[in-house]
Amino acid sequence: MTAMLEIGDLHVSYGQVEAVRGVSLELQPGQIISVIGPNGAGKTTLLAAAMGLLPCKGTLRFEGEDLQGLDVEARVERGLCLVPEKRELFGELTVLDNLQLGAYAKRLRSDAMKRQLQSVYDRFPRLAERRSQRADTLSGGERQMLAVGRALMSAPRLLMLDEPSLGLAPLIVRDILSIVRKLREDGVSILLVEQNARAALETSDHGYVLETGEIALSGASGELASDPRVQATYLGGGTHDDE
């Protein structure tokens, strides 16, 4: 089976500083893959490179097609979309305006736009209630819903989420990750970058631990969650000698 996303020996630099060093990972159709790690590990840089926001060296393929040389809009047209860590909403615009901007690369006709909007509203009823409200008046959870909804307006087959739980209350985090699982059921593959390792591993099928720009560990999410190194560093656990 052709991988939906293949990243091979990826290198990304900021000037003389190499932020991502030789990262390789694969995401199969229908999978949720998580990437966990501390601040500064290179997680956001990895997603930015995959989306075409940063230059990189190495292999980047989407459904077998080489992504190198394609700009962001071309990648969106092919079915990739990124929900950035800071959400990057247009605060002075309404919820509806922000959603419509998400479909820009698809250049949808009026009837197709209405269907796509209704699909997002069905998934996020609160956005329908607030469609005429300015984005900068929404709560944190609502802004995250809007960021995901805007991405879904482009009908992605692969959705990349950068720290979707950041700054949200635990109950809202649970709701957001429940939506992520439902997206997979609806045929959207997910690449999830999270500092909340427990939530990420509970949500994903397979996980990678990124440290100082390199893959330190990888495996089935359940196995990673049971790994003593992951427990000690990211899950607040670990073993303690009684001696």
C-alpha atoms as a PDB file:
ATOM      1  CA  MET A   1       0.000   0.000   0.000  1.00  0.00           C
ATOM      2  CA  THR A   2       1.279   3.455  -0.909  1.00  0.00           C
ATOM      3  CA  ALA A   3       1.770   5.608   2.179  1.00  0.00           C
ATOM      4  CA  MET A   4      -0.428   8.681   2.369  1.00  0.00           C
ATOM      5  CA  LEU A   5       2.520  10.677   3.695  1.00  0.00           C
ATOM      6  CA  GLU A   6       6.147   9.625   3.471  1.00  0.00           C
ATOM      7  CA  ILE A   7       8.864  11.705   5.090  1.00  0.00           C
ATOM      8  CA  GLY A   8      12.403  10.437   4.624  1.00  0.00           C
ATOM      9  CA  ASP A   9      15.702  11.738   6.020  1.00  0.00           C
ATOM     10  CA  LEU A  10      14.221  15.227   6.373  1.00  0.00           C
ATOM     11  CA  HIS A  11      16.490  18.125   7.301  1.00  0.00           C
ATOM     12  CA  VAL A  12      15.257  21.642   8.075  1.00  0.00           C
ATOM     13  CA  SER A  13      17.507  24.524   9.105  1.00  0.00           C
ATOM     14  CA  TYR A  14      17.132  28.060  10.384  1.00  0.00           C
ATOM     15  CA  GLY A  15      20.338  29.627   9.141  1.00  0.00           C
ATOM     16  CA  GLN A  16      23.176  27.598  10.645  1.00  0.00           C
ATOM     17  CA  VAL A  17      20.895  25.861  13.155  1.00  0.00           C
ATOM     18  CA  GLU A  18      19.510  22.501  12.047  1.00  0.00           C
ATOM     19  CA  ALA A  19      16.107  22.157  13.730  1.00  0.00           C
ATOM     20  CA  VAL A  20      15.102  18.826  12.149  1.00  0.00           C
ATOM     21  CA  ARG A  21      17.806  16.249  11.507  1.00  0.00           C
ATOM     22  CA  GLY A  22      17.183  13.131   9.469  1.00  0.00           C
ATOM     23  CA  VAL A  23      13.542  12.573  10.453  1.00  0.00           C
ATOM     24  CA  SER A  24      11.707   9.730   8.720  1.00  0.00           C
ATOM     25  CA  LEU A  25       8.091   8.703   9.270  1.00  0.00           C
ATOM     26  CA  GLU A  26       5.175   7.196   7.384  1.00  0.00           C
ATOM     27  CA  LEU A  27       1.442   7.687   7.692  1.00  0.00           C
ATOM     28  CA  GLN A  28      -0.875   5.166   6.071  1.00  0.00           C
ATOM     29  CA  PRO A  29      -4.389   6.009   4.817  1.00  0.00           C
ATOM     30  CA  GLY A  30      -6.850   6.054   7.704  1.00  0.00           C
ATOM     31  CA  GLN A  31      -4.206   6.368  10.406  1.00  0.00           C
ATOM     32  CA  ILE A  32      -3.764   8.851  13.218  1.00  0.00           C
ATOM     33  CA  ILE A  33      -0.051   9.399  13.816  1.00  0.00           C
ATOM     34  CA  SER A  34       1.167  11.436  16.782  1.00  0.00           C
ATOM     35  CA  VAL A  35       4.471  13.238  17.242  1.00  0.00           C
ATOM     36  CA  ILE A  36       5.277  14.110  20.842  1.00  0.00           C
ATOM     37  CA  GLY A  37       8.260  15.780  22.440  1.00  0.00           C
ATOM     38  CA  PRO A  38       9.363  18.784  24.483  1.00  0.00           C
ATOM     39  CA  ASN A  39       9.275  22.418  23.431  1.00  0.00           C
ATOM     40  CA  GLY A  40      11.965  23.159  20.880  1.00  0.00           C
ATOM     41  CA  ALA A  41      12.178  19.563  19.663  1.00  0.00           C
ATOM     42  CA  GLY A  42      11.300  20.519  16.077  1.00  0.00           C
ATOM     43  CA  LYS A  43       7.671  19.360  15.987  1.00  0.00           C
ATOM     44  CA  THR A  44       6.217  22.576  14.561  1.00  0.00           C
ATOM     45  CA  THR A  45       9.136  22.869  12.137  1.00  0.00           C
ATOM     46  CA  LEU A  46       8.404  19.360  10.861  1.00  0.00           C
ATOM     47  CA  LEU A  47       4.785  20.247  10.064  1.00  0.00           C
ATOM     48  CA  ALA A  48       5.759  23.565   8.490  1.00  0.00           C
ATOM     49  CA  ALA A  49       8.176  21.787   6.155  1.00  0.00           C
ATOM     50  CA  ALA A  50       5.577  19.179   5.217  1.00  0.00           C
ATOM     51  CA  MET A  51       3.132  21.981   4.376  1.00  0.00           C
ATOM     52  CA  GLY A  52       5.681  23.851   2.254  1.00  0.00           C
ATOM     53  CA  LEU A  53       6.092  26.774   4.640  1.00  0.00           C
ATOM     54  CA  LEU A  54       9.807  26.091   5.154  1.00  0.00           C
ATOM     55  CA  PRO A  55      12.477  24.835   2.738  1.00  0.00           C
ATOM     56  CA  CYS A  56      13.838  21.400   3.516  1.00  0.00           C
ATOM     57  CA  LYS A  57      16.036  18.610   2.224  1.00  0.00           C
ATOM     58  CA  GLY A  58      14.936  15.005   2.031  1.00  0.00           C
ATOM     59  CA  THR A  59      11.947  13.013   0.825  1.00  0.00           C
ATOM     60  CA  LEU A  60       8.407  14.376   1.068  1.00  0.00           C
ATOM     61  CA  ARG A  61       5.726  12.375  -0.717  1.00  0.00           C
ATOM     62  CA  PHE A  62       1.938  12.538  -0.549  1.00  0.00           C
ATOM     63  CA  GLU A  63       0.190   9.469  -1.982  1.00  0.00           C
ATOM     64  CA  GLY A  64       3.388   8.730  -3.888  1.00  0.00           C
ATOM     65  CA  GLU A  65       3.742  12.215  -5.404  1.00  0.00           C
ATOM     66  CA  ASP A  66       6.869  14.236  -4.698  1.00  0.00           C
ATOM     67  CA  LEU A  67       5.911  17.400  -2.806  1.00  0.00           C
ATOM     68  CA  GLN A  68       9.264  19.127  -3.163  1.00  0.00           C
ATOM     69  CA  GLY A  69       8.824  22.125  -5.426  1.00  0.00           C
ATOM     70  CA  LEU A  70       5.081  22.448  -4.771  1.00  0.00           C
ATOM     71  CA  ASP A  71       3.899  25.581  -2.979  1.00  0.00           C
ATOM     72  CA  VAL A  72       1.403  25.646  -0.115  1.00  0.00           C
ATOM     73  CA  GLU A  73      -1.625  26.212  -2.341  1.00  0.00           C
ATOM     74  CA  ALA A  74      -0.705  23.263  -4.562  1.00  0.00           C
ATOM     75  CA  ARG A  75      -0.388  21.028  -1.503  1.00  0.00           C
ATOM     76  CA  VAL A  76      -3.801  22.152  -0.257  1.00  0.00           C
ATOM     77  CA  GLU A  77      -5.280  21.383  -3.671  1.00  0.00           C
ATOM     78  CA  ARG A  78      -3.875  17.850  -3.419  1.00  0.00           C
ATOM     79  CA  GLY A  79      -5.500  17.255  -0.043  1.00  0.00           C
ATOM     80  CA  LEU A  80      -3.109  18.402   2.699  1.00  0.00           C
ATOM     81  CA  CYS A  81      -4.033  21.006   5.279  1.00  0.00           C
ATOM     82  CA  LEU A  82      -2.409  22.361   8.445  1.00  0.00           C
ATOM     83  CA  VAL A  83      -4.095  23.739  11.554  1.00  0.00           C
ATOM     84  CA  PRO A  84      -1.263  25.845  13.032  1.00  0.00           C
ATOM     85  CA  GLU A  85      -0.421  26.048  16.716  1.00  0.00           C
ATOM     86  CA  LYS A  86      -1.531  29.683  17.038  1.00  0.00           C
ATOM     87  CA  ARG A  87      -4.662  29.020  14.931  1.00  0.00           C
ATOM     88  CA  GLU A  88      -3.955  32.123  12.787  1.00  0.00           C
ATOM     89  CA  LEU A  89      -7.577  33.231  12.609  1.00  0.00           C
ATOM     90  CA  PHE A  90      -8.662  36.597  11.230  1.00  0.00           C
ATOM     91  CA  GLY A  91     -10.013  38.079  14.445  1.00  0.00           C
ATOM     92  CA  GLU A  92     -11.752  41.055  12.873  1.00  0.00           C
ATOM     93  CA  LEU A  93     -13.677  38.809  10.479  1.00  0.00           C
ATOM     94  CA  THR A  94     -16.733  36.731  11.308  1.00  0.00           C
ATOM     95  CA  VAL A  95     -16.814  32.988  11.812  1.00  0.00           C
ATOM     96  CA  LEU A  96     -18.433  32.638   8.384  1.00  0.00           C
ATOM     97  CA  ASP A  97     -15.770  34.786   6.720  1.00  0.00           C
ATOM     98  CA  ASN A  98     -12.988  32.698   8.253  1.00  0.00           C
ATOM     99  CA  LEU A  99     -14.613  29.471   7.101  1.00  0.00           C
ATOM    100  CA  GLN A 100     -15.078  30.730   3.564  1.00  0.00           C
ATOM    101  CA  LEU A 101     -11.408  31.713   3.403  1.00  0.00           C
ATOM    102  CA  GLY A 102     -10.556  28.098   4.184  1.00  0.00           C
ATOM    103  CA  ALA A 103     -12.057  27.067   0.855  1.00  0.00           C
ATOM    104  CA  TYR A 104     -10.099  29.650  -1.158  1.00  0.00           C
ATOM    105  CA  ALA A 105      -7.670  27.173  -2.726  1.00  0.00           C
ATOM    106  CA  LYS A 106     -10.573  24.973  -3.866  1.00  0.00           C
ATOM    107  CA  ARG A 107     -12.389  27.864  -5.587  1.00  0.00           C
ATOM    108  CA  LEU A 108     -15.765  26.334  -4.769  1.00  0.00           C
ATOM    109  CA  ARG A 109     -18.929  27.330  -6.593  1.00  0.00           C
ATOM    110  CA  SER A 110     -21.774  28.744  -4.519  1.00  0.00           C
ATOM    111  CA  ASP A 111     -23.676  25.464  -4.129  1.00  0.00           C
ATOM    112  CA  ALA A 112     -20.514  23.518  -3.269  1.00  0.00           C
ATOM    113  CA  MET A 113     -19.550  26.217  -0.748  1.00  0.00           C
ATOM    114  CA  LYS A 114     -22.939  25.896   0.941  1.00  0.00           C
ATOM    115  CA  ARG A 115     -22.593  22.115   1.181  1.00  0.00           C
ATOM    116  CA  GLN A 116     -19.112  22.390   2.646  1.00  0.00           C
ATOM    117  CA  LEU A 117     -20.239  25.009   5.161  1.00  0.00           C
ATOM    118  CA  GLN A 118     -23.149  22.834   6.218  1.00  0.00           C
ATOM    119  CA  SER A 119     -20.780  19.901   6.685  1.00  0.00           C
ATOM    120  CA  VAL A 120     -18.647  22.005   9.040  1.00  0.00           C
ATOM    121  CA  TYR A 121     -21.706  23.324  10.884  1.00  0.00           C
ATOM    122  CA  ASP A 122     -22.997  19.765  11.328  1.00  0.00           C
ATOM    123  CA  ARG A 123     -19.677  18.845  12.932  1.00  0.00           C
ATOM    124  CA  PHE A 124     -19.432  22.059  14.982  1.00  0.00           C
ATOM    125  CA  PRO A 125     -22.970  23.287  15.788  1.00  0.00           C
ATOM    126  CA  ARG A 126     -21.529  26.067  17.944  1.00  0.00           C
ATOM    127  CA  LEU A 127     -19.916  27.621  14.875  1.00  0.00           C
ATOM    128  CA  ALA A 128     -23.307  27.715  13.185  1.00  0.00           C
ATOM    129  CA  GLU A 129     -24.714  29.557  16.204  1.00  0.00           C
ATOM    130  CA  ARG A 130     -21.862  32.069  16.048  1.00  0.00           C
ATOM    131  CA  ARG A 131     -21.492  32.380  12.279  1.00  0.00           C
ATOM    132  CA  SER A 132     -22.008  36.168  12.364  1.00  0.00           C
ATOM    133  CA  GLN A 133     -19.773  36.717  15.403  1.00  0.00           C
ATOM    134  CA  ARG A 134     -16.230  38.089  15.133  1.00  0.00           C
ATOM    135  CA  ALA A 135     -13.571  35.429  15.582  1.00  0.00           C
ATOM    136  CA  ASP A 136     -11.730  37.445  18.238  1.00  0.00           C
ATOM    137  CA  THR A 137     -14.779  37.283  20.536  1.00  0.00           C
ATOM    138  CA  LEU A 138     -14.826  33.468  20.661  1.00  0.00           C
ATOM    139  CA  SER A 139     -13.636  31.367  23.588  1.00  0.00           C
ATOM    140  CA  GLY A 140     -10.421  29.360  23.281  1.00  0.00           C
ATOM    141  CA  GLY A 141     -12.280  26.153  22.533  1.00  0.00           C
ATOM    142  CA  GLU A 142     -14.458  27.866  19.950  1.00  0.00           C
ATOM    143  CA  ARG A 143     -11.400  29.359  18.251  1.00  0.00           C
ATOM    144  CA  GLN A 144      -9.867  25.896  18.003  1.00  0.00           C
ATOM    145  CA  MET A 145     -13.104  24.564  16.518  1.00  0.00           C
ATOM    146  CA  LEU A 146     -13.033  27.402  13.999  1.00  0.00           C
ATOM    147  CA  ALA A 147      -9.411  26.681  13.089  1.00  0.00           C
ATOM    148  CA  VAL A 148     -10.239  23.016  12.458  1.00  0.00           C
ATOM    149  CA  GLY A 149     -13.457  23.925  10.655  1.00  0.00           C
ATOM    150  CA  ARG A 150     -11.617  26.345   8.380  1.00  0.00           C
ATOM    151  CA  ALA A 151      -9.147  23.594   7.480  1.00  0.00           C
ATOM    152  CA  LEU A 152     -12.004  21.197   6.737  1.00  0.00           C
ATOM    153  CA  MET A 153     -13.428  23.675   4.229  1.00  0.00           C
ATOM    154  CA  SER A 154     -10.646  22.573   1.865  1.00  0.00           C
ATOM    155  CA  ALA A 155     -11.862  18.942   2.175  1.00  0.00           C
ATOM    156  CA  PRO A 156      -8.438  17.573   3.183  1.00  0.00           C
ATOM    157  CA  ARG A 157      -7.547  13.900   3.048  1.00  0.00           C
ATOM    158  CA  LEU A 158      -4.651  14.528   5.430  1.00  0.00           C
ATOM    159  CA  LEU A 159      -5.093  16.995   8.281  1.00  0.00           C
ATOM    160  CA  MET A 160      -2.030  18.090  10.246  1.00  0.00           C
ATOM    161  CA  LEU A 161      -2.775  19.495  13.693  1.00  0.00           C
ATOM    162  CA  ASP A 162      -0.170  21.461  15.644  1.00  0.00           C
ATOM    163  CA  GLU A 163      -0.833  21.437  19.411  1.00  0.00           C
ATOM    164  CA  PRO A 164      -4.660  21.472  19.195  1.00  0.00           C
ATOM    165  CA  SER A 165      -4.956  21.170  22.994  1.00  0.00           C
ATOM    166  CA  LEU A 166      -2.737  24.187  23.724  1.00  0.00           C
ATOM    167  CA  GLY A 167      -4.265  26.497  26.329  1.00  0.00           C
ATOM    168  CA  LEU A 168      -7.549  24.607  26.545  1.00  0.00           C
ATOM    169  CA  ALA A 169      -9.324  23.224  29.607  1.00  0.00           C
ATOM    170  CA  PRO A 170      -9.266  19.409  29.980  1.00  0.00           C
ATOM    171  CA  LEU A 171     -12.940  19.011  29.057  1.00  0.00           C
ATOM    172  CA  ILE A 172     -12.435  21.026  25.873  1.00  0.00           C
ATOM    173  CA  VAL A 173      -9.323  18.988  25.039  1.00  0.00           C
ATOM    174  CA  ARG A 174     -11.409  15.836  25.350  1.00  0.00           C
ATOM    175  CA  ASP A 175     -13.999  17.266  22.948  1.00  0.00           C
ATOM    176  CA  ILE A 176     -11.373  18.353  20.399  1.00  0.00           C
ATOM    177  CA  LEU A 177      -9.661  14.951  20.401  1.00  0.00           C
ATOM    178  CA  SER A 178     -13.030  13.225  20.103  1.00  0.00           C
ATOM    179  CA  ILE A 179     -13.561  15.276  16.946  1.00  0.00           C
ATOM    180  CA  VAL A 180     -10.137  14.160  15.694  1.00  0.00           C
ATOM    181  CA  ARG A 181     -11.132  10.504  16.104  1.00  0.00           C
ATOM    182  CA  LYS A 182     -14.435  11.148  14.333  1.00  0.00           C
ATOM    183  CA  LEU A 183     -12.574  12.749  11.423  1.00  0.00           C
ATOM    184  CA  ARG A 184     -10.608   9.534  10.988  1.00  0.00           C
ATOM    185  CA  GLU A 185     -13.871   7.578  10.926  1.00  0.00           C
ATOM    186  CA  ASP A 186     -14.992   9.905   8.133  1.00  0.00           C
ATOM    187  CA  GLY A 187     -11.912   9.132   6.045  1.00  0.00           C
ATOM    188  CA  VAL A 188      -9.510  11.915   7.041  1.00  0.00           C
ATOM    189  CA  SER A 189      -6.016  10.799   8.031  1.00  0.00           C
ATOM    190  CA  ILE A 190      -4.392  12.760  10.855  1.00  0.00           C
ATOM    191  CA  LEU A 191      -0.852  13.832  11.730  1.00  0.00           C
ATOM    192  CA  LEU A 192      -1.119  15.096  15.302  1.00  0.00           C
ATOM    193  CA  VAL A 193       1.662  17.074  16.969  1.00  0.00           C
ATOM    194  CA  GLU A 194       1.092  17.385  20.711  1.00  0.00           C
ATOM    195  CA  GLN A 195       2.953  18.292  23.868  1.00  0.00           C
ATOM    196  CA  ASN A 196       0.142  16.591  25.803  1.00  0.00           C
ATOM    197  CA  ALA A 197       1.691  13.161  25.336  1.00  0.00           C
ATOM    198  CA  ARG A 198      -0.972  11.230  27.216  1.00  0.00           C
ATOM    199  CA  ALA A 199      -3.812  12.645  25.123  1.00  0.00           C
ATOM    200  CA  ALA A 200      -1.840  12.191  21.898  1.00  0.00           C
ATOM    201  CA  LEU A 201      -0.983   8.543  22.546  1.00  0.00           C
ATOM    202  CA  GLU A 202      -4.537   7.755  23.644  1.00  0.00           C
ATOM    203  CA  THR A 203      -5.827   9.223  20.373  1.00  0.00           C
ATOM    204  CA  SER A 204      -3.300   7.909  17.837  1.00  0.00           C
ATOM    205  CA  ASP A 205      -2.473   4.513  16.344  1.00  0.00           C
ATOM    206  CA  HIS A 206       1.266   5.041  16.081  1.00  0.00           C
ATOM    207  CA  GLY A 207       3.579   7.543  17.698  1.00  0.00           C
ATOM    208  CA  TYR A 208       6.974   9.158  17.320  1.00  0.00           C
ATOM    209  CA  VAL A 209       9.015  10.868  20.024  1.00  0.00           C
ATOM    210  CA  LEU A 210      10.963  13.823  18.647  1.00  0.00           C
ATOM    211  CA  GLU A 211      13.861  15.155  20.703  1.00  0.00           C
ATOM    212  CA  THR A 212      16.371  17.809  19.593  1.00  0.00           C
ATOM    213  CA  GLY A 213      15.253  17.415  15.993  1.00  0.00           C
ATOM    214  CA  GLU A 214      15.611  13.632  15.796  1.00  0.00           C
ATOM    215  CA  ILE A 215      13.321  10.638  16.246  1.00  0.00           C
ATOM    216  CA  ALA A 216      14.245   9.169  19.628  1.00  0.00           C
ATOM    217  CA  LEU A 217      11.532   6.500  19.802  1.00  0.00           C
ATOM    218  CA  SER A 218       8.682   5.221  17.666  1.00  0.00           C
ATOM    219  CA  GLY A 219       6.108   2.470  17.792  1.00  0.00           C
ATOM    220  CA  ALA A 220       2.476   1.603  18.330  1.00  0.00           C
ATOM    221  CA  SER A 221       0.961   4.234  20.612  1.00  0.00           C
ATOM    222  CA  GLY A 222       0.035   1.714  23.299  1.00  0.00           C
ATOM    223  CA  GLU A 223       3.585   0.377  23.355  1.00  0.00           C
ATOM    224  CA  LEU A 224       5.042   3.869  23.608  1.00  0.00           C
ATOM    225  CA  ALA A 225       2.687   4.703  26.473  1.00  0.00           C
ATOM    226  CA  SER A 226       4.043   1.649  28.318  1.00  0.00           C
ATOM    227  CA  ASP A 227       7.694   2.453  27.635  1.00  0.00           C
ATOM    228  CA  PRO A 228       9.437   3.436  30.905  1.00  0.00           C
ATOM    229  CA  ARG A 229      11.340   6.236  29.161  1.00  0.00           C
ATOM    230  CA  VAL A 230       8.137   7.773  27.814  1.00  0.00           C
ATOM    231  CA  GLN A 231       6.380   7.320  31.146  1.00  0.00           C
ATOM    232  CA  ALA A 232       9.192   8.970  33.077  1.00  0.00           C
ATOM    233  CA  THR A 233       9.697  11.891  30.697  1.00  0.00           C
ATOM    234  CA  TYR A 234       6.263  12.619  29.243  1.00  0.00           C
ATOM    235  CA  LEU A 235       3.574  10.870  31.282  1.00  0.00           C
ATOM    236  CA  GLY A 236       4.638  11.849  34.776  1.00  0.00           C
ATOM    237  CA  GLY A 237       5.381   8.269  35.765  1.00  0.00           C
ATOM    238  CA  GLY A 238       8.400   6.049  35.877  1.00  0.00           C
ATOM    239  CA  THR A 239       9.826   3.560  38.314  1.00  0.00           C
ATOM    240  CA  HIS A 240      11.489   4.436  41.576  1.00  0.00           C
ATOM    241  CA  ASP A 241      13.971   2.281  43.500  1.00  0.00           C
ATOM    242  CA  ASP A 242      13.117   1.635  47.139  1.00  0.00           C
ATOM    243  CA  GLU A 243      16.748   1.323  48.085  1.00  0.00           C
END
